[in-house]
Amino acid sequence: MNIILKLSDSKILAWIFLILMLVIAIGSILMRFKTTWFEISDVFFGYMCAFTHLSSLYVWPLKHSAGDKLERVAFVLGLISVICFVAIYINKIA
């Protein structure tokens, strides 16, 4: 459990995740070029999750309450990203 907490507080890992989400977003847009806007919403919310998590790590030493709120926003955006991914997958099957 302690290792997971250390990994979630790592700024280097958060930067790697943010860059990875950016690469996935660009690749997804290029692969799904002729799609509607809501079909790339999962990638958008995933990128915003990574960005708010990274910003919470930088804000945390300055103000703990703001860091906590940003971390909650990152969690909600991650959940929305997963929900969008499932909804898009179901839409593609049907």
C-alpha atoms as a PDB file:
ATOM      1  CA  MET A   1       0.000   0.000   0.000  1.00  0.00           C
ATOM      2  CA  ASN A   2       2.840   2.375   0.814  1.00  0.00           C
ATOM      3  CA  ILE A   3       4.391   1.837  -2.641  1.00  0.00           C
ATOM      4  CA  ILE A   4       1.111   2.771  -4.341  1.00  0.00           C
ATOM      5  CA  LEU A   5       0.911   5.997  -2.343  1.00  0.00           C
ATOM      6  CA  LYS A   6       4.494   6.874  -3.266  1.00  0.00           C
ATOM      7  CA  LEU A   7       3.786   6.218  -6.955  1.00  0.00           C
ATOM      8  CA  SER A   8       0.638   8.361  -6.924  1.00  0.00           C
ATOM      9  CA  ASP A   9       2.609  11.235  -5.375  1.00  0.00           C
ATOM     10  CA  SER A  10       5.418  11.029  -7.959  1.00  0.00           C
ATOM     11  CA  LYS A  11       5.660  14.099 -10.190  1.00  0.00           C
ATOM     12  CA  ILE A  12       7.830  12.251 -12.704  1.00  0.00           C
ATOM     13  CA  LEU A  13       5.239   9.505 -13.087  1.00  0.00           C
ATOM     14  CA  ALA A  14       2.495  12.134 -13.448  1.00  0.00           C
ATOM     15  CA  TRP A  15       4.483  13.872 -16.219  1.00  0.00           C
ATOM     16  CA  ILE A  16       4.962  10.538 -17.989  1.00  0.00           C
ATOM     17  CA  PHE A  17       1.214   9.850 -17.733  1.00  0.00           C
ATOM     18  CA  LEU A  18       0.400  13.325 -19.077  1.00  0.00           C
ATOM     19  CA  ILE A  19       2.734  12.905 -22.069  1.00  0.00           C
ATOM     20  CA  LEU A  20       1.372   9.398 -22.672  1.00  0.00           C
ATOM     21  CA  MET A  21      -2.194  10.729 -22.676  1.00  0.00           C
ATOM     22  CA  LEU A  22      -1.162  13.471 -25.118  1.00  0.00           C
ATOM     23  CA  VAL A  23       0.340  10.885 -27.484  1.00  0.00           C
ATOM     24  CA  ILE A  24      -2.782   8.725 -27.161  1.00  0.00           C
ATOM     25  CA  ALA A  25      -4.987  11.763 -27.832  1.00  0.00           C
ATOM     26  CA  ILE A  26      -3.092  12.722 -30.974  1.00  0.00           C
ATOM     27  CA  GLY A  27      -3.004   9.131 -32.211  1.00  0.00           C
ATOM     28  CA  SER A  28      -6.680   8.651 -31.451  1.00  0.00           C
ATOM     29  CA  ILE A  29      -7.666  11.806 -33.300  1.00  0.00           C
ATOM     30  CA  LEU A  30      -5.571  10.790 -36.315  1.00  0.00           C
ATOM     31  CA  MET A  31      -6.996   7.260 -36.354  1.00  0.00           C
ATOM     32  CA  ARG A  32     -10.591   8.373 -35.806  1.00  0.00           C
ATOM     33  CA  PHE A  33     -10.394  11.477 -37.985  1.00  0.00           C
ATOM     34  CA  LYS A  34     -13.867  11.227 -39.518  1.00  0.00           C
ATOM     35  CA  THR A  35     -15.737  10.692 -36.274  1.00  0.00           C
ATOM     36  CA  THR A  36     -18.026  12.850 -34.216  1.00  0.00           C
ATOM     37  CA  TRP A  37     -16.809  14.869 -31.270  1.00  0.00           C
ATOM     38  CA  PHE A  38     -18.228  12.592 -28.581  1.00  0.00           C
ATOM     39  CA  GLU A  39     -16.245   9.611 -29.844  1.00  0.00           C
ATOM     40  CA  ILE A  40     -13.022  11.182 -28.587  1.00  0.00           C
ATOM     41  CA  SER A  41     -14.486  12.353 -25.270  1.00  0.00           C
ATOM     42  CA  ASP A  42     -12.861   9.440 -23.431  1.00  0.00           C
ATOM     43  CA  VAL A  43      -9.426  10.657 -24.490  1.00  0.00           C
ATOM     44  CA  PHE A  44     -10.254  14.244 -23.515  1.00  0.00           C
ATOM     45  CA  PHE A  45     -11.388  13.276 -20.030  1.00  0.00           C
ATOM     46  CA  GLY A  46      -8.354  11.013 -19.611  1.00  0.00           C
ATOM     47  CA  TYR A  47      -6.042  13.873 -20.532  1.00  0.00           C
ATOM     48  CA  MET A  48      -7.842  16.235 -18.158  1.00  0.00           C
ATOM     49  CA  CYS A  49      -7.535  13.617 -15.404  1.00  0.00           C
ATOM     50  CA  ALA A  50      -3.772  13.460 -15.936  1.00  0.00           C
ATOM     51  CA  PHE A  51      -3.483  17.257 -16.058  1.00  0.00           C
ATOM     52  CA  THR A  52      -5.470  17.893 -12.877  1.00  0.00           C
ATOM     53  CA  HIS A  53      -3.562  15.150 -11.039  1.00  0.00           C
ATOM     54  CA  LEU A  54      -0.266  16.734 -12.065  1.00  0.00           C
ATOM     55  CA  SER A  55      -1.444  20.205 -11.066  1.00  0.00           C
ATOM     56  CA  SER A  56      -2.623  18.859  -7.694  1.00  0.00           C
ATOM     57  CA  LEU A  57       0.878  17.542  -7.051  1.00  0.00           C
ATOM     58  CA  TYR A  58       2.332  20.998  -7.680  1.00  0.00           C
ATOM     59  CA  VAL A  59      -0.350  22.844  -5.664  1.00  0.00           C
ATOM     60  CA  TRP A  60      -0.270  20.450  -2.687  1.00  0.00           C
ATOM     61  CA  PRO A  61       2.848  21.957  -1.004  1.00  0.00           C
ATOM     62  CA  LEU A  62       1.386  25.457  -1.303  1.00  0.00           C
ATOM     63  CA  LYS A  63      -2.153  24.778  -0.121  1.00  0.00           C
ATOM     64  CA  HIS A  64      -3.326  21.344   0.978  1.00  0.00           C
ATOM     65  CA  SER A  65      -7.040  22.007   0.567  1.00  0.00           C
ATOM     66  CA  ALA A  66      -6.619  23.070  -3.060  1.00  0.00           C
ATOM     67  CA  GLY A  67      -4.485  20.001  -3.744  1.00  0.00           C
ATOM     68  CA  ASP A  68      -7.170  17.772  -2.238  1.00  0.00           C
ATOM     69  CA  LYS A  69      -9.884  19.367  -4.359  1.00  0.00           C
ATOM     70  CA  LEU A  70      -7.838  19.000  -7.535  1.00  0.00           C
ATOM     71  CA  GLU A  71      -7.179  15.363  -6.676  1.00  0.00           C
ATOM     72  CA  ARG A  72     -10.926  14.770  -6.264  1.00  0.00           C
ATOM     73  CA  VAL A  73     -11.556  16.459  -9.617  1.00  0.00           C
ATOM     74  CA  ALA A  74      -8.908  14.218 -11.201  1.00  0.00           C
ATOM     75  CA  PHE A  75     -10.633  11.150  -9.756  1.00  0.00           C
ATOM     76  CA  VAL A  76     -14.037  12.242 -11.081  1.00  0.00           C
ATOM     77  CA  LEU A  77     -12.561  12.978 -14.517  1.00  0.00           C
ATOM     78  CA  GLY A  78     -10.973   9.521 -14.534  1.00  0.00           C
ATOM     79  CA  LEU A  79     -14.333   7.941 -13.757  1.00  0.00           C
ATOM     80  CA  ILE A  80     -16.006   9.970 -16.512  1.00  0.00           C
ATOM     81  CA  SER A  81     -13.268   8.863 -18.916  1.00  0.00           C
ATOM     82  CA  VAL A  82     -13.945   5.197 -18.132  1.00  0.00           C
ATOM     83  CA  ILE A  83     -17.716   5.715 -18.475  1.00  0.00           C
ATOM     84  CA  CYS A  84     -17.204   7.432 -21.853  1.00  0.00           C
ATOM     85  CA  PHE A  85     -14.940   4.614 -23.013  1.00  0.00           C
ATOM     86  CA  VAL A  86     -17.573   2.009 -22.118  1.00  0.00           C
ATOM     87  CA  ALA A  87     -20.359   4.066 -23.731  1.00  0.00           C
ATOM     88  CA  ILE A  88     -18.368   4.500 -26.953  1.00  0.00           C
ATOM     89  CA  TYR A  89     -17.575   0.771 -27.011  1.00  0.00           C
ATOM     90  CA  ILE A  90     -21.241  -0.128 -26.527  1.00  0.00           C
ATOM     91  CA  ASN A  91     -22.186   2.367 -29.263  1.00  0.00           C
ATOM     92  CA  LYS A  92     -19.706   0.772 -31.680  1.00  0.00           C
ATOM     93  CA  ILE A  93     -21.068  -2.726 -30.994  1.00  0.00           C
ATOM     94  CA  ALA A  94     -24.729  -1.778 -31.400  1.00  0.00           C
END
